[in-house]
Amino acid sequence: MALSLSVVLLLGIILIVLIRGKSIKAGPAFVAILFGFFLASTGMAPSINRFLNSIANTINHITF
């Protein structure tokens, strides 16, 4: 849960920065938000979640 909230917060901040920097207009940003919202309700959502969790676990296991 904490990881999901962090990713959502990070993506939200990136979206706000892109809108304020005029790299992306409000219309395409709204479409991207709706796309993510509807994608989360499809059967593909668990696969995406597993993929993101595996990336997070891989990053977590990297030692320097």
C-alpha atoms as a PDB file:
ATOM      1  CA  MET A   1       0.000   0.000   0.000  1.00  0.00           C
ATOM      2  CA  ALA A   2       2.766   2.436   0.888  1.00  0.00           C
ATOM      3  CA  LEU A   3       4.516   1.776  -2.416  1.00  0.00           C
ATOM      4  CA  SER A   4       1.322   2.311  -4.411  1.00  0.00           C
ATOM      5  CA  LEU A   5       0.598   5.564  -2.637  1.00  0.00           C
ATOM      6  CA  SER A   6       4.161   6.736  -3.213  1.00  0.00           C
ATOM      7  CA  VAL A   7       3.965   5.960  -6.935  1.00  0.00           C
ATOM      8  CA  VAL A   8       0.636   7.755  -7.257  1.00  0.00           C
ATOM      9  CA  LEU A   9       2.013  10.768  -5.393  1.00  0.00           C
ATOM     10  CA  LEU A  10       5.184  10.820  -7.518  1.00  0.00           C
ATOM     11  CA  LEU A  11       3.252  10.560 -10.780  1.00  0.00           C
ATOM     12  CA  GLY A  12       0.862  13.271  -9.618  1.00  0.00           C
ATOM     13  CA  ILE A  13       3.762  15.612  -8.858  1.00  0.00           C
ATOM     14  CA  ILE A  14       5.344  14.878 -12.239  1.00  0.00           C
ATOM     15  CA  LEU A  15       2.027  15.599 -13.959  1.00  0.00           C
ATOM     16  CA  ILE A  16       1.669  18.914 -12.125  1.00  0.00           C
ATOM     17  CA  VAL A  17       5.231  19.916 -13.056  1.00  0.00           C
ATOM     18  CA  LEU A  18       4.592  19.041 -16.700  1.00  0.00           C
ATOM     19  CA  ILE A  19       1.382  21.084 -16.759  1.00  0.00           C
ATOM     20  CA  ARG A  20       3.002  24.094 -15.066  1.00  0.00           C
ATOM     21  CA  GLY A  21       6.050  23.888 -17.337  1.00  0.00           C
ATOM     22  CA  LYS A  22       3.746  23.874 -20.352  1.00  0.00           C
ATOM     23  CA  SER A  23       5.260  20.570 -21.497  1.00  0.00           C
ATOM     24  CA  ILE A  24       1.787  19.089 -21.474  1.00  0.00           C
ATOM     25  CA  LYS A  25      -1.512  20.891 -21.762  1.00  0.00           C
ATOM     26  CA  ALA A  26      -4.444  20.334 -19.423  1.00  0.00           C
ATOM     27  CA  GLY A  27      -6.457  18.422 -22.060  1.00  0.00           C
ATOM     28  CA  PRO A  28      -3.895  15.664 -22.703  1.00  0.00           C
ATOM     29  CA  ALA A  29      -3.175  15.477 -18.964  1.00  0.00           C
ATOM     30  CA  PHE A  30      -6.876  14.896 -18.287  1.00  0.00           C
ATOM     31  CA  VAL A  31      -6.946  12.189 -20.960  1.00  0.00           C
ATOM     32  CA  ALA A  32      -3.883  10.540 -19.363  1.00  0.00           C
ATOM     33  CA  ILE A  33      -5.594  10.602 -15.960  1.00  0.00           C
ATOM     34  CA  LEU A  34      -8.766   9.066 -17.384  1.00  0.00           C
ATOM     35  CA  PHE A  35      -6.731   6.444 -19.242  1.00  0.00           C
ATOM     36  CA  GLY A  36      -4.998   5.425 -16.014  1.00  0.00           C
ATOM     37  CA  PHE A  37      -8.287   5.377 -14.141  1.00  0.00           C
ATOM     38  CA  PHE A  38      -9.998   3.129 -16.675  1.00  0.00           C
ATOM     39  CA  LEU A  39      -6.898   0.963 -17.145  1.00  0.00           C
ATOM     40  CA  ALA A  40      -6.950   0.254 -13.406  1.00  0.00           C
ATOM     41  CA  SER A  41     -10.421  -1.260 -13.752  1.00  0.00           C
ATOM     42  CA  THR A  42      -9.467  -3.679 -16.547  1.00  0.00           C
ATOM     43  CA  GLY A  43      -8.158  -7.208 -16.281  1.00  0.00           C
ATOM     44  CA  MET A  44      -4.698  -5.887 -17.094  1.00  0.00           C
ATOM     45  CA  ALA A  45      -4.386  -4.061 -13.753  1.00  0.00           C
ATOM     46  CA  PRO A  46      -3.107  -7.072 -11.734  1.00  0.00           C
ATOM     47  CA  SER A  47      -0.397  -7.739 -14.335  1.00  0.00           C
ATOM     48  CA  ILE A  48       0.732  -4.119 -14.259  1.00  0.00           C
ATOM     49  CA  ASN A  49       0.729  -4.191 -10.464  1.00  0.00           C
ATOM     50  CA  ARG A  50       2.851  -7.363 -10.386  1.00  0.00           C
ATOM     51  CA  PHE A  51       5.263  -5.850 -12.912  1.00  0.00           C
ATOM     52  CA  LEU A  52       5.698  -2.659 -10.882  1.00  0.00           C
ATOM     53  CA  ASN A  53       6.112  -4.669  -7.676  1.00  0.00           C
ATOM     54  CA  SER A  54       8.802  -6.825  -9.287  1.00  0.00           C
ATOM     55  CA  ILE A  55      10.673  -3.706 -10.405  1.00  0.00           C
ATOM     56  CA  ALA A  56      10.434  -2.271  -6.891  1.00  0.00           C
ATOM     57  CA  ASN A  57      11.692  -5.539  -5.392  1.00  0.00           C
ATOM     58  CA  THR A  58      14.577  -5.647  -7.858  1.00  0.00           C
ATOM     59  CA  ILE A  59      15.585  -2.101  -6.983  1.00  0.00           C
ATOM     60  CA  ASN A  60      15.280  -2.935  -3.294  1.00  0.00           C
ATOM     61  CA  HIS A  61      17.710  -5.847  -3.637  1.00  0.00           C
ATOM     62  CA  ILE A  62      20.442  -3.828  -5.348  1.00  0.00           C
ATOM     63  CA  THR A  63      23.428  -3.398  -3.058  1.00  0.00           C
ATOM     64  CA  PHE A  64      26.259  -0.940  -3.535  1.00  0.00           C
END
